[in-house]
Amino acid sequence: MGRTGHRSTLITLGGAAARPTTRKAFDTFAKMALDHGVNHVDVAPTYGSGMAERILGPWVKEYRNTLFLACKTQKRTKQAAAEELRASLKNLQTDVIDLYQLHGLDTLEELRTALGEDGAIQAFLEAQEQDLIRYIGITSHNPVTIRAALERFDFATVLLPVNYVLHAHPQPDNDYEPILSLAQQRNLGIIAMKTAAKGPWPTDARPYLTWYQPFTTQRDVDNALRFTLSQYVTTAASSSDVRIATMMLDAAERYTPMDATEQEALLTSAAAYTPLFPRATP
């Protein structure tokens, strides 16, 4: 995974699926994933109604020696980020977080605050000096903001949507290709999210625990994951719905790279879909 030197598994265990209401199903999935060798975990304090870190804590403690642990914060000031980091360390039952990320940094205004004189990045740098974190990354849905961030700070990793539906409908606010090219030049680690996203929900009926409409058949999930992992990507975060996440794990175990002809056919099939980003204004 870029300059981190870590060889992440194709699937990252996504902590967004760790909810109190579905804990039994999540614990079953987590054990299966970790016993199958998944070695990268990603979580945030806001996931699972604020409970995801506590739910993941025992798993992190049990498998810590084999895990690359990634966490993140949406706090933008130094003091708030430092406080949240220490809470995350306690909740995750660990002394160090391998990758700490500025989370959901989608606007240039937030970017200026977070990278400013009293911004969250100052807490990150102090934590790095104290060996509380190892690497610093950024997560965002907006490639324009990511590009601006990479011009201002030497992040080690980027977590962003890499998805064939987005690829089929490129716009400045969803075109991830320039970021992947830059990452390759700078040896940055790329973690993909929204791999299984088909598009926005068409109605208020939402039978899956995702804020987007996911692909829901094994064949469709296979195709989505194969496309994503055939780009300049190290690993893909599993879905916030355990059912989709389980299909992603299954797809990863059978993964083979998707050749150019297959990719082109898949992109053609996405012409009728509505991309998840940019998000429509109500």
Protein backbone atom coordinates (compact mmCIF):
# COMPACT_ATOMS: atom_id res chain seq x y z
CA MET A 1 0.00 0.00 0.00
CA GLY A 2 2.29 2.66 -1.31
CA ARG A 3 5.03 4.02 0.92
CA THR A 4 3.52 2.36 4.02
CA GLY A 5 5.05 -0.88 2.79
CA HIS A 6 2.04 -2.78 4.07
CA ARG A 7 0.67 -5.57 1.88
CA SER A 8 -3.04 -5.13 2.51
CA THR A 9 -5.48 -7.84 1.58
CA LEU A 10 -7.83 -7.15 -1.32
CA ILE A 11 -10.64 -6.49 1.16
CA THR A 12 -10.46 -4.12 4.11
CA LEU A 13 -12.84 -4.93 6.96
CA GLY A 14 -15.09 -1.87 6.99
CA GLY A 15 -16.20 -0.80 10.44
CA ALA A 16 -19.28 0.95 9.07
CA ALA A 17 -21.07 -2.42 9.36
CA ALA A 18 -20.41 -2.63 13.11
CA ARG A 19 -23.77 -1.65 14.58
CA PRO A 20 -25.37 -2.56 17.91
CA THR A 21 -28.61 -3.52 16.10
CA THR A 22 -26.86 -6.07 13.87
CA ARG A 23 -23.95 -7.00 16.12
CA LYS A 24 -24.43 -10.77 15.93
CA ALA A 25 -24.33 -10.72 12.13
CA PHE A 26 -21.33 -8.39 12.14
CA ASP A 27 -19.39 -10.50 14.63
CA THR A 28 -20.00 -13.57 12.46
CA PHE A 29 -18.74 -11.69 9.41
CA ALA A 30 -15.75 -10.22 11.25
CA LYS A 31 -14.59 -13.62 12.48
CA MET A 32 -14.97 -15.11 9.02
CA ALA A 33 -13.08 -12.24 7.39
CA LEU A 34 -10.25 -12.19 9.92
CA ASP A 35 -9.92 -15.99 9.94
CA HIS A 36 -9.76 -15.88 6.14
CA GLY A 37 -6.75 -13.58 6.45
CA VAL A 38 -8.14 -10.07 6.04
CA ASN A 39 -5.38 -7.92 7.53
CA HIS A 40 -6.66 -4.34 7.19
CA VAL A 41 -9.43 -2.76 9.29
CA ASP A 42 -10.96 0.69 8.82
CA VAL A 43 -13.29 2.39 11.30
CA ALA A 44 -14.46 5.82 12.44
CA PRO A 45 -15.87 7.09 15.76
CA THR A 46 -19.14 8.05 14.06
CA TYR A 47 -19.88 4.58 12.66
CA GLY A 48 -22.50 2.36 14.20
CA SER A 49 -24.25 5.20 16.02
CA GLY A 50 -20.96 5.87 17.77
CA MET A 51 -20.50 2.23 18.84
CA ALA A 52 -18.43 0.74 16.01
CA GLU A 53 -15.06 1.25 17.70
CA ARG A 54 -16.24 -0.48 20.87
CA ILE A 55 -17.69 -3.36 18.85
CA LEU A 56 -14.43 -3.73 16.92
CA GLY A 57 -12.21 -3.31 19.96
CA PRO A 58 -12.20 -6.98 21.04
CA TRP A 59 -11.48 -8.10 17.47
CA VAL A 60 -8.61 -5.63 17.17
CA LYS A 61 -7.16 -6.82 20.46
CA GLU A 62 -7.40 -10.50 19.49
CA TYR A 63 -5.92 -10.10 15.99
CA ARG A 64 -3.74 -7.01 16.58
CA ASN A 65 -0.45 -8.63 15.58
CA THR A 66 -1.73 -9.32 12.07
CA LEU A 67 -3.81 -6.17 11.50
CA PHE A 68 -3.13 -2.86 9.82
CA LEU A 69 -5.49 -0.63 11.80
CA ALA A 70 -6.92 2.47 10.15
CA CYS A 71 -9.09 5.02 11.94
CA LYS A 72 -10.17 8.56 11.15
CA THR A 73 -11.68 11.75 12.48
CA GLN A 74 -14.08 14.36 11.20
CA LYS A 75 -12.79 16.86 13.74
CA ARG A 76 -11.09 19.78 12.02
CA THR A 77 -9.33 21.54 14.89
CA LYS A 78 -6.20 20.45 16.75
CA GLN A 79 -7.73 20.05 20.21
CA ALA A 80 -10.86 18.22 19.06
CA ALA A 81 -8.88 15.84 16.85
CA ALA A 82 -6.39 15.06 19.64
CA GLU A 83 -9.21 14.27 22.06
CA GLU A 84 -10.98 12.02 19.56
CA LEU A 85 -7.77 10.17 18.72
CA ARG A 86 -7.18 9.27 22.34
CA ALA A 87 -10.77 8.08 22.70
CA SER A 88 -10.35 5.91 19.60
CA LEU A 89 -7.18 4.33 20.98
CA LYS A 90 -9.04 3.40 24.15
CA ASN A 91 -12.13 2.10 22.37
CA LEU A 92 -10.07 0.03 19.94
CA GLN A 93 -7.98 -1.43 22.76
CA THR A 94 -4.65 -0.54 21.19
CA ASP A 95 -1.63 1.68 21.84
CA VAL A 96 -1.10 2.74 18.24
CA ILE A 97 -3.16 3.31 15.10
CA ASP A 98 -1.32 2.43 11.90
CA LEU A 99 -3.18 4.91 9.69
CA TYR A 100 -5.03 7.96 10.99
CA GLN A 101 -7.07 9.83 8.39
CA LEU A 102 -8.76 13.19 7.98
CA HIS A 103 -12.24 11.81 7.31
CA GLY A 104 -14.83 13.04 4.82
CA LEU A 105 -12.82 16.09 3.83
CA ASP A 106 -15.06 17.09 0.94
CA THR A 107 -14.95 20.90 0.87
CA LEU A 108 -12.11 23.34 0.39
CA GLU A 109 -13.26 25.33 3.43
CA GLU A 110 -12.88 22.27 5.68
CA LEU A 111 -9.54 21.56 4.07
CA ARG A 112 -8.25 25.03 4.96
CA THR A 113 -9.34 24.58 8.56
CA ALA A 114 -7.93 21.08 8.96
CA LEU A 115 -4.55 21.97 7.45
CA GLY A 116 -4.37 25.37 9.12
CA GLU A 117 -2.25 26.63 11.99
CA ASP A 118 -4.58 25.26 14.67
CA GLY A 119 -6.02 22.54 12.47
CA ALA A 120 -6.43 18.82 13.02
CA ILE A 121 -3.26 18.06 11.06
CA GLN A 122 -1.22 19.57 13.90
CA ALA A 123 -2.68 16.98 16.29
CA PHE A 124 -1.83 14.26 13.76
CA LEU A 125 1.79 15.38 13.54
CA GLU A 126 2.18 15.53 17.32
CA ALA A 127 0.59 12.08 17.65
CA GLN A 128 3.02 10.76 15.06
CA GLU A 129 5.95 12.11 17.08
CA GLN A 130 4.50 10.40 20.17
CA ASP A 131 4.18 7.07 18.29
CA LEU A 132 0.40 7.05 18.71
CA ILE A 133 -0.07 6.88 14.94
CA ARG A 134 2.23 5.71 12.14
CA TYR A 135 0.89 7.14 8.87
CA ILE A 136 -1.39 10.01 7.91
CA GLY A 137 -4.09 9.73 5.24
CA ILE A 138 -7.14 11.47 3.88
CA THR A 139 -10.63 10.27 2.95
CA SER A 140 -12.98 12.18 0.67
CA HIS A 141 -15.73 11.72 -1.89
CA ASN A 142 -14.50 14.72 -3.89
CA PRO A 143 -11.44 14.30 -6.14
CA VAL A 144 -11.12 18.08 -6.53
CA THR A 145 -10.64 18.48 -2.77
CA ILE A 146 -8.28 15.52 -2.64
CA ARG A 147 -6.08 17.07 -5.31
CA ALA A 148 -5.95 20.33 -3.37
CA ALA A 149 -5.10 18.44 -0.18
CA LEU A 150 -2.26 16.53 -1.86
CA GLU A 151 -0.81 19.83 -3.02
CA ARG A 152 -0.68 21.09 0.58
CA PHE A 153 0.34 18.02 2.60
CA ASP A 154 2.29 14.83 1.96
CA PHE A 155 -0.38 12.27 2.82
CA ALA A 156 0.61 8.59 2.68
CA THR A 157 -2.78 7.24 1.60
CA VAL A 158 -6.08 8.27 0.04
CA LEU A 159 -9.45 6.61 0.59
CA LEU A 160 -11.96 7.55 -2.12
CA PRO A 161 -14.75 6.11 -4.29
CA VAL A 162 -13.43 3.93 -7.13
CA ASN A 163 -16.42 2.52 -8.91
CA TYR A 164 -17.29 1.57 -12.47
CA VAL A 165 -20.56 3.53 -12.51
CA LEU A 166 -18.66 6.69 -11.62
CA HIS A 167 -16.07 5.87 -14.25
CA ALA A 168 -18.83 5.65 -16.86
CA HIS A 169 -20.12 9.15 -15.99
CA PRO A 170 -16.99 11.28 -15.41
CA GLN A 171 -17.38 14.80 -14.04
CA PRO A 172 -14.84 16.90 -12.13
CA ASP A 173 -16.50 16.06 -8.80
CA ASN A 174 -16.41 12.29 -9.33
CA ASP A 175 -13.50 11.63 -11.72
CA TYR A 176 -11.00 9.70 -9.63
CA GLU A 177 -8.61 8.92 -12.49
CA PRO A 178 -6.35 11.98 -11.94
CA ILE A 179 -5.99 11.00 -8.27
CA LEU A 180 -5.03 7.43 -9.13
CA SER A 181 -2.44 8.70 -11.61
CA LEU A 182 -1.00 11.08 -9.03
CA ALA A 183 -0.97 8.32 -6.42
CA GLN A 184 1.03 6.10 -8.74
CA GLN A 185 3.56 8.87 -9.33
CA ARG A 186 3.92 9.58 -5.60
CA ASN A 187 3.69 5.98 -4.37
CA LEU A 188 0.55 6.65 -2.33
CA GLY A 189 -1.65 3.86 -1.01
CA ILE A 190 -5.18 3.85 -2.43
CA ILE A 191 -8.11 2.41 -0.47
CA ALA A 192 -11.32 2.19 -2.49
CA MET A 193 -14.77 2.78 -1.08
CA LYS A 194 -18.28 2.58 -2.57
CA THR A 195 -17.11 -0.32 -4.74
CA ALA A 196 -20.54 -1.96 -4.75
CA ALA A 197 -22.53 1.27 -5.15
CA LYS A 198 -24.99 1.20 -8.04
CA GLY A 199 -26.24 4.74 -7.43
CA PRO A 200 -28.51 6.81 -5.18
CA TRP A 201 -31.61 5.16 -3.76
CA PRO A 202 -34.48 5.73 -6.23
CA THR A 203 -37.14 5.75 -3.47
CA ASP A 204 -37.35 5.98 0.31
CA ALA A 205 -37.53 2.17 0.51
CA ARG A 206 -34.07 1.03 1.61
CA PRO A 207 -33.80 -2.70 2.29
CA TYR A 208 -30.02 -2.57 2.78
CA LEU A 209 -28.01 -0.74 5.46
CA THR A 210 -26.23 1.49 2.97
CA TRP A 211 -26.89 5.14 2.19
CA TYR A 212 -26.57 4.29 -1.51
CA GLN A 213 -28.30 1.62 -3.59
CA PRO A 214 -25.87 -1.33 -3.76
CA PHE A 215 -25.46 -4.11 -6.26
CA THR A 216 -27.13 -7.09 -4.61
CA THR A 217 -26.32 -10.23 -6.61
CA GLN A 218 -23.07 -12.13 -6.34
CA ARG A 219 -22.44 -11.72 -10.06
CA ASP A 220 -22.87 -7.94 -9.91
CA VAL A 221 -20.71 -7.64 -6.81
CA ASP A 222 -18.05 -9.79 -8.49
CA ASN A 223 -18.00 -7.48 -11.50
CA ALA A 224 -17.94 -4.31 -9.39
CA LEU A 225 -15.07 -5.53 -7.22
CA ARG A 226 -13.08 -6.92 -10.14
CA PHE A 227 -13.30 -3.57 -11.91
CA THR A 228 -12.22 -1.59 -8.86
CA LEU A 229 -9.31 -3.85 -8.01
CA SER A 230 -8.15 -3.78 -11.63
CA GLN A 231 -7.41 -0.06 -11.25
CA TYR A 232 -4.45 1.42 -9.34
CA VAL A 233 -5.98 0.35 -6.01
CA THR A 234 -4.53 -1.67 -3.13
CA THR A 235 -7.66 -2.69 -1.24
CA ALA A 236 -11.42 -2.11 -1.15
CA ALA A 237 -13.36 -1.41 2.04
CA SER A 238 -16.21 -3.83 2.63
CA SER A 239 -19.80 -2.59 2.59
CA SER A 240 -21.70 -1.17 5.56
CA ASP A 241 -24.27 -3.94 5.01
CA VAL A 242 -23.01 -7.35 6.16
CA ARG A 243 -24.85 -9.14 3.34
CA ILE A 244 -23.03 -7.13 0.68
CA ALA A 245 -19.77 -7.29 2.63
CA THR A 246 -19.98 -11.10 2.70
CA MET A 247 -20.44 -11.17 -1.07
CA MET A 248 -17.42 -8.86 -1.44
CA LEU A 249 -15.29 -11.23 0.62
CA ASP A 250 -16.44 -14.15 -1.52
CA ALA A 251 -15.66 -12.17 -4.69
CA ALA A 252 -12.18 -11.31 -3.41
CA GLU A 253 -11.32 -14.96 -2.85
CA ARG A 254 -12.08 -15.65 -6.51
CA TYR A 255 -10.58 -12.42 -7.86
CA THR A 256 -8.86 -12.27 -11.23
CA PRO A 257 -7.95 -8.98 -12.92
CA MET A 258 -10.50 -7.64 -15.41
CA ASP A 259 -9.01 -7.11 -18.85
CA ALA A 260 -9.65 -4.03 -20.99
CA THR A 261 -12.36 -5.68 -23.09
CA GLU A 262 -14.29 -6.79 -20.02
CA GLN A 263 -13.94 -3.35 -18.46
CA GLU A 264 -15.26 -1.64 -21.57
CA ALA A 265 -18.30 -3.94 -21.68
CA LEU A 266 -19.03 -3.23 -18.02
CA LEU A 267 -18.74 0.52 -18.52
CA THR A 268 -21.16 0.33 -21.45
CA SER A 269 -23.67 -1.49 -19.25
CA ALA A 270 -23.48 1.39 -16.72
CA ALA A 271 -24.76 3.98 -19.19
CA ALA A 272 -28.32 3.63 -17.87
CA TYR A 273 -27.32 4.06 -14.20
CA THR A 274 -27.29 7.29 -12.21
CA PRO A 275 -23.89 7.91 -10.59
CA LEU A 276 -23.76 8.39 -6.83
CA PHE A 277 -21.64 11.54 -7.17
CA PRO A 278 -22.00 14.42 -7.49
CA ARG A 279 -24.99 14.08 -5.18
CA ALA A 280 -28.20 15.61 -6.42
CA THR A 281 -29.45 18.66 -4.48
CA PRO A 282 -32.96 18.06 -3.03
